[in-house]
Amino acid sequence: MRNPFLAGAVVVMTAALAACGSSADGNGPQAAGAQRPAASGPAVPGPSASTPTPPATPSAGEPEEPTAGPSAPATGPNTPSDAITPATGTFTKKQKEYLEDRVPKGMDPAAVLETGQETCDKLRYLVKADRDTAVGAIATGEIPDAADAVAGLCPRHQDLVDEAAHAYPDGTHTGKKLRPGGYRSASPTAACSWQITGADGRELSSGSSDTGVSRKITIPKSARTFTSTGCYAWLPEGAEG
């Protein structure tokens, strides 16, 4: 389940980033002299505010138009690292390292860099608003490719990526994926519930919360399955900043 906090936070973030026009991390395309691609604002995790429009029903006797399937990701050879250059200026060493093996032939490398920098911008904003939400967004995959962007463009946020690697997003977790210890829910909804079971499906503990307030649980060594719904993500205790 997506975090409703992100939807509102991102509206403010998008306006703030547009007003600034550049990243505080100093690694955006502007730092390299490349022109910033036009955009309507960074794509942000969170529920969509609009409802999908159903396809129009063809009139009687008219043939139905074929429905296009989901667009496939760009494939093909990438631009050699020594050929990656911006339209103007130069890329920094870290920017070149991030872009290596990421720029399909024929694509503007500044656009690829922009995607990574937007990820850093999202994290920079969210961590100021609510650190647990920032970590949860990485753990749930709502901010995709965060690990690569952080490693190459904004290493100051590496602690968020490290914590997210030990967090549990909503869903069912079993076997070796279970790590005993204490956890707290990050930005839970008003329909947060969880259950921990042991061998033979025997319930060890369970609970729910309709307050939206963070709760704490302990996953024992005897746990075999941990299921969470509506809690967004569970972060390891003792890791908050």
C-alpha atoms as a PDB file:
ATOM      1  CA  MET A   1       0.000   0.000   0.000  1.00  0.00           C
ATOM      2  CA  ARG A   2       1.404   3.376  -0.960  1.00  0.00           C
ATOM      3  CA  ASN A   3       2.024   6.034   1.645  1.00  0.00           C
ATOM      4  CA  PRO A   4      -0.554   8.875   1.517  1.00  0.00           C
ATOM      5  CA  PHE A   5       1.939  11.248   3.165  1.00  0.00           C
ATOM      6  CA  LEU A   6       4.095  11.186   0.041  1.00  0.00           C
ATOM      7  CA  ALA A   7       1.352  12.508  -2.208  1.00  0.00           C
ATOM      8  CA  GLY A   8       0.995  15.758  -0.286  1.00  0.00           C
ATOM      9  CA  ALA A   9       4.705  16.077   0.426  1.00  0.00           C
ATOM     10  CA  VAL A  10       5.578  15.756  -3.217  1.00  0.00           C
ATOM     11  CA  VAL A  11       3.276  18.555  -4.338  1.00  0.00           C
ATOM     12  CA  VAL A  12       5.190  20.917  -2.064  1.00  0.00           C
ATOM     13  CA  MET A  13       8.522  19.395  -3.095  1.00  0.00           C
ATOM     14  CA  THR A  14       7.812  19.826  -6.806  1.00  0.00           C
ATOM     15  CA  ALA A  15       7.013  23.506  -6.356  1.00  0.00           C
ATOM     16  CA  ALA A  16      10.099  24.002  -4.194  1.00  0.00           C
ATOM     17  CA  LEU A  17      12.406  22.320  -6.680  1.00  0.00           C
ATOM     18  CA  ALA A  18      10.961  24.284  -9.550  1.00  0.00           C
ATOM     19  CA  ALA A  19      11.562  27.518  -7.661  1.00  0.00           C
ATOM     20  CA  CYS A  20      15.148  26.570  -6.838  1.00  0.00           C
ATOM     21  CA  GLY A  21      15.987  25.485 -10.374  1.00  0.00           C
ATOM     22  CA  SER A  22      19.036  23.514  -9.207  1.00  0.00           C
ATOM     23  CA  SER A  23      20.002  20.789  -6.771  1.00  0.00           C
ATOM     24  CA  ALA A  24      21.602  21.454  -3.423  1.00  0.00           C
ATOM     25  CA  ASP A  25      23.805  18.420  -3.994  1.00  0.00           C
ATOM     26  CA  GLY A  26      25.516  20.207  -6.874  1.00  0.00           C
ATOM     27  CA  ASN A  27      25.448  17.175  -9.138  1.00  0.00           C
ATOM     28  CA  GLY A  28      22.607  18.079 -11.505  1.00  0.00           C
ATOM     29  CA  PRO A  29      22.971  18.698 -15.216  1.00  0.00           C
ATOM     30  CA  GLN A  30      23.321  22.416 -14.542  1.00  0.00           C
ATOM     31  CA  ALA A  31      26.560  21.737 -12.683  1.00  0.00           C
ATOM     32  CA  ALA A  32      27.860  20.093 -15.822  1.00  0.00           C
ATOM     33  CA  GLY A  33      26.740  22.925 -18.054  1.00  0.00           C
ATOM     34  CA  ALA A  34      24.067  20.753 -19.663  1.00  0.00           C
ATOM     35  CA  GLN A  35      20.655  22.228 -20.300  1.00  0.00           C
ATOM     36  CA  ARG A  36      18.010  20.928 -17.888  1.00  0.00           C
ATOM     37  CA  PRO A  37      15.340  19.017 -19.833  1.00  0.00           C
ATOM     38  CA  ALA A  38      11.841  20.426 -19.605  1.00  0.00           C
ATOM     39  CA  ALA A  39       9.699  18.519 -17.112  1.00  0.00           C
ATOM     40  CA  SER A  40       6.451  18.865 -15.244  1.00  0.00           C
ATOM     41  CA  GLY A  41       8.220  18.036 -11.996  1.00  0.00           C
ATOM     42  CA  PRO A  42       9.791  14.841 -10.627  1.00  0.00           C
ATOM     43  CA  ALA A  43       7.631  11.757 -10.553  1.00  0.00           C
ATOM     44  CA  VAL A  44       6.843  11.099  -6.935  1.00  0.00           C
ATOM     45  CA  PRO A  45       5.676   8.055  -5.081  1.00  0.00           C
ATOM     46  CA  GLY A  46       2.143   8.118  -3.729  1.00  0.00           C
ATOM     47  CA  PRO A  47      -1.408   7.427  -4.882  1.00  0.00           C
ATOM     48  CA  SER A  48      -2.667   9.109  -8.013  1.00  0.00           C
ATOM     49  CA  ALA A  49      -5.215  11.836  -7.465  1.00  0.00           C
ATOM     50  CA  SER A  50      -7.023  11.106 -10.701  1.00  0.00           C
ATOM     51  CA  THR A  51      -9.171   8.165 -11.704  1.00  0.00           C
ATOM     52  CA  PRO A  52      -8.246   6.364 -14.941  1.00  0.00           C
ATOM     53  CA  THR A  53     -10.620   7.137 -17.791  1.00  0.00           C
ATOM     54  CA  PRO A  54     -12.254   3.988 -19.178  1.00  0.00           C
ATOM     55  CA  PRO A  55     -11.707   3.358 -22.890  1.00  0.00           C
ATOM     56  CA  ALA A  56     -14.460   4.584 -25.196  1.00  0.00           C
ATOM     57  CA  THR A  57     -16.867   1.944 -26.435  1.00  0.00           C
ATOM     58  CA  PRO A  58     -16.996   1.840 -30.266  1.00  0.00           C
ATOM     59  CA  SER A  59     -20.310   2.441 -31.977  1.00  0.00           C
ATOM     60  CA  ALA A  60     -22.151  -0.500 -33.490  1.00  0.00           C
ATOM     61  CA  GLY A  61     -20.568  -1.602 -36.728  1.00  0.00           C
ATOM     62  CA  GLU A  62     -17.259   0.194 -36.082  1.00  0.00           C
ATOM     63  CA  PRO A  63     -14.132  -1.927 -35.711  1.00  0.00           C
ATOM     64  CA  GLU A  64     -12.406  -1.748 -32.377  1.00  0.00           C
ATOM     65  CA  GLU A  65      -9.001  -0.104 -32.374  1.00  0.00           C
ATOM     66  CA  PRO A  66      -6.203  -2.329 -31.106  1.00  0.00           C
ATOM     67  CA  THR A  67      -5.144  -1.593 -27.557  1.00  0.00           C
ATOM     68  CA  ALA A  68      -1.497  -0.700 -27.201  1.00  0.00           C
ATOM     69  CA  GLY A  69       0.370  -2.705 -24.621  1.00  0.00           C
ATOM     70  CA  PRO A  70       2.697  -1.224 -21.998  1.00  0.00           C
ATOM     71  CA  SER A  71       5.707   0.512 -23.469  1.00  0.00           C
ATOM     72  CA  ALA A  72       8.830  -1.585 -23.250  1.00  0.00           C
ATOM     73  CA  PRO A  73      11.970  -0.152 -21.653  1.00  0.00           C
ATOM     74  CA  ALA A  74      14.640   1.089 -23.996  1.00  0.00           C
ATOM     75  CA  THR A  75      16.965  -1.680 -25.097  1.00  0.00           C
ATOM     76  CA  GLY A  76      20.065  -1.858 -27.223  1.00  0.00           C
ATOM     77  CA  PRO A  77      23.714  -0.927 -26.878  1.00  0.00           C
ATOM     78  CA  ASN A  78      24.769   1.838 -24.542  1.00  0.00           C
ATOM     79  CA  THR A  79      26.970   4.787 -25.390  1.00  0.00           C
ATOM     80  CA  PRO A  80      30.642   4.050 -24.597  1.00  0.00           C
ATOM     81  CA  SER A  81      31.766   5.837 -21.441  1.00  0.00           C
ATOM     82  CA  ASP A  82      34.408   7.851 -23.302  1.00  0.00           C
ATOM     83  CA  ALA A  83      31.717   9.170 -25.659  1.00  0.00           C
ATOM     84  CA  ILE A  84      29.344  10.421 -22.956  1.00  0.00           C
ATOM     85  CA  THR A  85      29.443  14.205 -23.122  1.00  0.00           C
ATOM     86  CA  PRO A  86      26.845  16.927 -22.420  1.00  0.00           C
ATOM     87  CA  ALA A  87      25.641  19.334 -25.090  1.00  0.00           C
ATOM     88  CA  THR A  88      27.704  22.037 -23.393  1.00  0.00           C
ATOM     89  CA  GLY A  89      30.285  22.002 -20.631  1.00  0.00           C
ATOM     90  CA  THR A  90      31.587  18.822 -19.016  1.00  0.00           C
ATOM     91  CA  PHE A  91      30.436  16.161 -16.574  1.00  0.00           C
ATOM     92  CA  THR A  92      32.122  15.743 -13.218  1.00  0.00           C
ATOM     93  CA  LYS A  93      33.942  12.511 -12.392  1.00  0.00           C
ATOM     94  CA  LYS A  94      31.037  11.272 -10.214  1.00  0.00           C
ATOM     95  CA  GLN A  95      28.523  12.104 -12.909  1.00  0.00           C
ATOM     96  CA  LYS A  96      30.519  10.149 -15.491  1.00  0.00           C
ATOM     97  CA  GLU A  97      30.728   7.170 -13.138  1.00  0.00           C
ATOM     98  CA  TYR A  98      26.967   7.267 -12.614  1.00  0.00           C
ATOM     99  CA  LEU A  99      26.255   7.520 -16.344  1.00  0.00           C
ATOM    100  CA  GLU A 100      28.558   4.645 -17.314  1.00  0.00           C
ATOM    101  CA  ASP A 101      26.515   1.815 -18.884  1.00  0.00           C
ATOM    102  CA  ARG A 102      23.291   3.833 -18.375  1.00  0.00           C
ATOM    103  CA  VAL A 103      23.002   5.911 -21.548  1.00  0.00           C
ATOM    104  CA  PRO A 104      21.397   4.133 -24.532  1.00  0.00           C
ATOM    105  CA  LYS A 105      22.838   5.170 -27.875  1.00  0.00           C
ATOM    106  CA  GLY A 106      21.037   8.193 -29.248  1.00  0.00           C
ATOM    107  CA  MET A 107      19.809   9.383 -25.835  1.00  0.00           C
ATOM    108  CA  ASP A 108      20.883  12.676 -24.271  1.00  0.00           C
ATOM    109  CA  PRO A 109      23.065  11.760 -21.252  1.00  0.00           C
ATOM    110  CA  ALA A 110      21.793  14.878 -19.467  1.00  0.00           C
ATOM    111  CA  ALA A 111      18.295  13.340 -19.442  1.00  0.00           C
ATOM    112  CA  VAL A 112      19.626  10.181 -17.790  1.00  0.00           C
ATOM    113  CA  LEU A 113      21.508  12.266 -15.258  1.00  0.00           C
ATOM    114  CA  GLU A 114      18.358  14.264 -14.590  1.00  0.00           C
ATOM    115  CA  THR A 115      16.491  11.100 -13.587  1.00  0.00           C
ATOM    116  CA  GLY A 116      19.124  10.205 -11.019  1.00  0.00           C
ATOM    117  CA  GLN A 117      19.272  13.744  -9.699  1.00  0.00           C
ATOM    118  CA  GLU A 118      15.494  13.839  -9.272  1.00  0.00           C
ATOM    119  CA  THR A 119      15.803  10.760  -7.063  1.00  0.00           C
ATOM    120  CA  CYS A 120      18.327  12.613  -4.919  1.00  0.00           C
ATOM    121  CA  ASP A 121      16.027  15.658  -4.815  1.00  0.00           C
ATOM    122  CA  LYS A 122      13.121  13.512  -3.589  1.00  0.00           C
ATOM    123  CA  LEU A 123      15.226  11.986  -0.831  1.00  0.00           C
ATOM    124  CA  ARG A 124      16.648  15.356   0.174  1.00  0.00           C
ATOM    125  CA  TYR A 125      13.154  16.779   0.575  1.00  0.00           C
ATOM    126  CA  LEU A 126      11.551  13.747   2.227  1.00  0.00           C
ATOM    127  CA  VAL A 127      14.310  13.244   4.777  1.00  0.00           C
ATOM    128  CA  LYS A 128      13.748  16.815   5.994  1.00  0.00           C
ATOM    129  CA  ALA A 129       9.980  16.302   6.179  1.00  0.00           C
ATOM    130  CA  ASP A 130      10.008  12.818   7.710  1.00  0.00           C
ATOM    131  CA  ARG A 131      13.050  10.543   7.726  1.00  0.00           C
ATOM    132  CA  ASP A 132      11.078   7.340   8.300  1.00  0.00           C
ATOM    133  CA  THR A 133       8.964   8.067   5.236  1.00  0.00           C
ATOM    134  CA  ALA A 134      12.118   8.555   3.145  1.00  0.00           C
ATOM    135  CA  VAL A 135      13.497   5.187   4.260  1.00  0.00           C
ATOM    136  CA  GLY A 136      10.114   3.541   3.738  1.00  0.00           C
ATOM    137  CA  ALA A 137       9.870   4.921   0.198  1.00  0.00           C
ATOM    138  CA  ILE A 138      13.181   3.227  -0.634  1.00  0.00           C
ATOM    139  CA  ALA A 139      12.217  -0.045   1.078  1.00  0.00           C
ATOM    140  CA  THR A 140       8.891  -0.253  -0.761  1.00  0.00           C
ATOM    141  CA  GLY A 141      10.400   0.652  -4.141  1.00  0.00           C
ATOM    142  CA  GLU A 142       8.320   3.822  -4.456  1.00  0.00           C
ATOM    143  CA  ILE A 143      11.596   5.617  -5.126  1.00  0.00           C
ATOM    144  CA  PRO A 144      13.164   3.212  -7.636  1.00  0.00           C
ATOM    145  CA  ASP A 145      16.916   2.916  -8.275  1.00  0.00           C
ATOM    146  CA  ALA A 146      17.606   4.864  -5.097  1.00  0.00           C
ATOM    147  CA  ALA A 147      20.698   2.816  -4.249  1.00  0.00           C
ATOM    148  CA  ASP A 148      22.421   3.614  -7.555  1.00  0.00           C
ATOM    149  CA  ALA A 149      21.484   7.295  -7.494  1.00  0.00           C
ATOM    150  CA  VAL A 150      22.688   7.692  -3.918  1.00  0.00           C
ATOM    151  CA  ALA A 151      25.959   5.869  -4.540  1.00  0.00           C
ATOM    152  CA  GLY A 152      26.765   7.941  -7.611  1.00  0.00           C
ATOM    153  CA  LEU A 153      25.174  11.329  -7.025  1.00  0.00           C
ATOM    154  CA  CYS A 154      24.215  11.953  -3.384  1.00  0.00           C
ATOM    155  CA  PRO A 155      26.240   9.683  -1.047  1.00  0.00           C
ATOM    156  CA  ARG A 156      25.152  11.809   1.901  1.00  0.00           C
ATOM    157  CA  HIS A 157      21.948   9.715   1.889  1.00  0.00           C
ATOM    158  CA  GLN A 158      23.696   6.332   2.024  1.00  0.00           C
ATOM    159  CA  ASP A 159      22.407   5.806   5.578  1.00  0.00           C
ATOM    160  CA  LEU A 160      18.837   5.811   4.229  1.00  0.00           C
ATOM    161  CA  VAL A 161      19.647   3.107   1.689  1.00  0.00           C
ATOM    162  CA  ASP A 162      21.461   1.010   4.305  1.00  0.00           C
ATOM    163  CA  GLU A 163      18.507   1.167   6.698  1.00  0.00           C
ATOM    164  CA  ALA A 164      15.999   0.403   3.944  1.00  0.00           C
ATOM    165  CA  ALA A 165      17.917  -2.784   3.136  1.00  0.00           C
ATOM    166  CA  HIS A 166      16.923  -4.099   6.583  1.00  0.00           C
ATOM    167  CA  ALA A 167      13.314  -2.894   6.512  1.00  0.00           C
ATOM    168  CA  TYR A 168      10.117  -4.795   5.712  1.00  0.00           C
ATOM    169  CA  PRO A 169       7.612  -3.294   3.265  1.00  0.00           C
ATOM    170  CA  ASP A 170       3.982  -4.408   3.439  1.00  0.00           C
ATOM    171  CA  GLY A 171       3.556  -7.993   2.291  1.00  0.00           C
ATOM    172  CA  THR A 172       4.494 -11.487   3.442  1.00  0.00           C
ATOM    173  CA  HIS A 173       8.077 -12.267   4.424  1.00  0.00           C
ATOM    174  CA  THR A 174       9.267 -15.796   5.160  1.00  0.00           C
ATOM    175  CA  GLY A 175      12.328 -17.938   5.751  1.00  0.00           C
ATOM    176  CA  LYS A 176      15.768 -16.368   5.523  1.00  0.00           C
ATOM    177  CA  LYS A 177      14.247 -12.956   4.786  1.00  0.00           C
ATOM    178  CA  LEU A 178      13.216 -12.731   8.446  1.00  0.00           C
ATOM    179  CA  ARG A 179      15.638 -10.975  10.792  1.00  0.00           C
ATOM    180  CA  PRO A 180      14.889 -11.180  14.528  1.00  0.00           C
ATOM    181  CA  GLY A 181      14.740  -7.860  16.355  1.00  0.00           C
ATOM    182  CA  GLY A 182      12.651  -4.812  17.089  1.00  0.00           C
ATOM    183  CA  TYR A 183      10.901  -2.811  14.365  1.00  0.00           C
ATOM    184  CA  ARG A 184       8.715   0.292  14.146  1.00  0.00           C
ATOM    185  CA  SER A 185       6.090   1.080  11.524  1.00  0.00           C
ATOM    186  CA  ALA A 186       6.864   4.004   9.219  1.00  0.00           C
ATOM    187  CA  SER A 187       3.899   6.242   8.319  1.00  0.00           C
ATOM    188  CA  PRO A 188       1.210   3.550   8.821  1.00  0.00           C
ATOM    189  CA  THR A 189      -2.314   4.049   7.509  1.00  0.00           C
ATOM    190  CA  ALA A 190      -5.422   3.847   9.678  1.00  0.00           C
ATOM    191  CA  ALA A 191      -5.818   0.215   8.541  1.00  0.00           C
ATOM    192  CA  CYS A 192      -2.452  -1.146   9.666  1.00  0.00           C
ATOM    193  CA  SER A 193      -2.359  -4.801  10.755  1.00  0.00           C
ATOM    194  CA  TRP A 194       0.319  -7.454  11.149  1.00  0.00           C
ATOM    195  CA  GLN A 195       0.802 -11.082  12.119  1.00  0.00           C
ATOM    196  CA  ILE A 196       3.863 -13.145  13.068  1.00  0.00           C
ATOM    197  CA  THR A 197       3.646 -16.932  12.884  1.00  0.00           C
ATOM    198  CA  GLY A 198       6.033 -19.710  13.811  1.00  0.00           C
ATOM    199  CA  ALA A 199       6.397 -23.348  12.856  1.00  0.00           C
ATOM    200  CA  ASP A 200       3.255 -25.011  11.497  1.00  0.00           C
ATOM    201  CA  GLY A 201       1.577 -21.614  11.129  1.00  0.00           C
ATOM    202  CA  ARG A 202       1.180 -21.142  14.880  1.00  0.00           C
ATOM    203  CA  GLU A 203       0.490 -17.478  15.646  1.00  0.00           C
ATOM    204  CA  LEU A 204       3.165 -15.866  17.799  1.00  0.00           C
ATOM    205  CA  SER A 205       1.771 -12.348  17.810  1.00  0.00           C
ATOM    206  CA  SER A 206      -0.537 -10.067  15.862  1.00  0.00           C
ATOM    207  CA  GLY A 207      -2.049  -6.643  16.093  1.00  0.00           C
ATOM    208  CA  SER A 208      -3.666  -3.728  14.348  1.00  0.00           C
ATOM    209  CA  SER A 209      -3.853   0.027  14.602  1.00  0.00           C
ATOM    210  CA  ASP A 210      -6.433   2.471  13.322  1.00  0.00           C
ATOM    211  CA  THR A 211      -4.710   5.581  14.658  1.00  0.00           C
ATOM    212  CA  GLY A 212      -2.014   6.067  12.011  1.00  0.00           C
ATOM    213  CA  VAL A 213       0.520   6.313  14.837  1.00  0.00           C
ATOM    214  CA  SER A 214       3.774   4.341  14.592  1.00  0.00           C
ATOM    215  CA  ARG A 215       3.750   1.015  16.448  1.00  0.00           C
ATOM    216  CA  LYS A 216       6.592  -1.220  17.629  1.00  0.00           C
ATOM    217  CA  ILE A 217       6.883  -4.986  17.298  1.00  0.00           C
ATOM    218  CA  THR A 218       9.470  -7.683  17.963  1.00  0.00           C
ATOM    219  CA  ILE A 219      10.185 -10.482  15.509  1.00  0.00           C
ATOM    220  CA  PRO A 220      11.473 -13.446  17.561  1.00  0.00           C
ATOM    221  CA  LYS A 221      13.984 -16.034  16.395  1.00  0.00           C
ATOM    222  CA  SER A 222      11.180 -18.602  16.271  1.00  0.00           C
ATOM    223  CA  ALA A 223       9.284 -16.592  13.622  1.00  0.00           C
ATOM    224  CA  ARG A 224       8.734 -18.223  10.243  1.00  0.00           C
ATOM    225  CA  THR A 225       6.373 -15.745   8.583  1.00  0.00           C
ATOM    226  CA  PHE A 226       5.718 -12.040   9.026  1.00  0.00           C
ATOM    227  CA  THR A 227       2.742 -10.442   7.248  1.00  0.00           C
ATOM    228  CA  SER A 228       1.969  -6.736   7.179  1.00  0.00           C
ATOM    229  CA  THR A 229      -0.909  -4.827   5.583  1.00  0.00           C
ATOM    230  CA  GLY A 230      -1.494  -1.075   5.541  1.00  0.00           C
ATOM    231  CA  CYS A 231       1.582  -0.358   7.683  1.00  0.00           C
ATOM    232  CA  TYR A 232       3.677   0.825   4.703  1.00  0.00           C
ATOM    233  CA  ALA A 233       7.053  -0.358   6.029  1.00  0.00           C
ATOM    234  CA  TRP A 234       8.699  -1.567   9.218  1.00  0.00           C
ATOM    235  CA  LEU A 235      12.109  -0.077  10.030  1.00  0.00           C
ATOM    236  CA  PRO A 236      14.711  -1.628  12.332  1.00  0.00           C
ATOM    237  CA  GLU A 237      14.698  -0.062  15.779  1.00  0.00           C
ATOM    238  CA  GLY A 238      17.691   2.003  16.823  1.00  0.00           C
ATOM    239  CA  ALA A 239      18.338   3.263  13.288  1.00  0.00           C
ATOM    240  CA  GLU A 240      16.384   6.502  13.354  1.00  0.00           C
ATOM    241  CA  GLY A 241      18.356   9.706  12.908  1.00  0.00           C
END
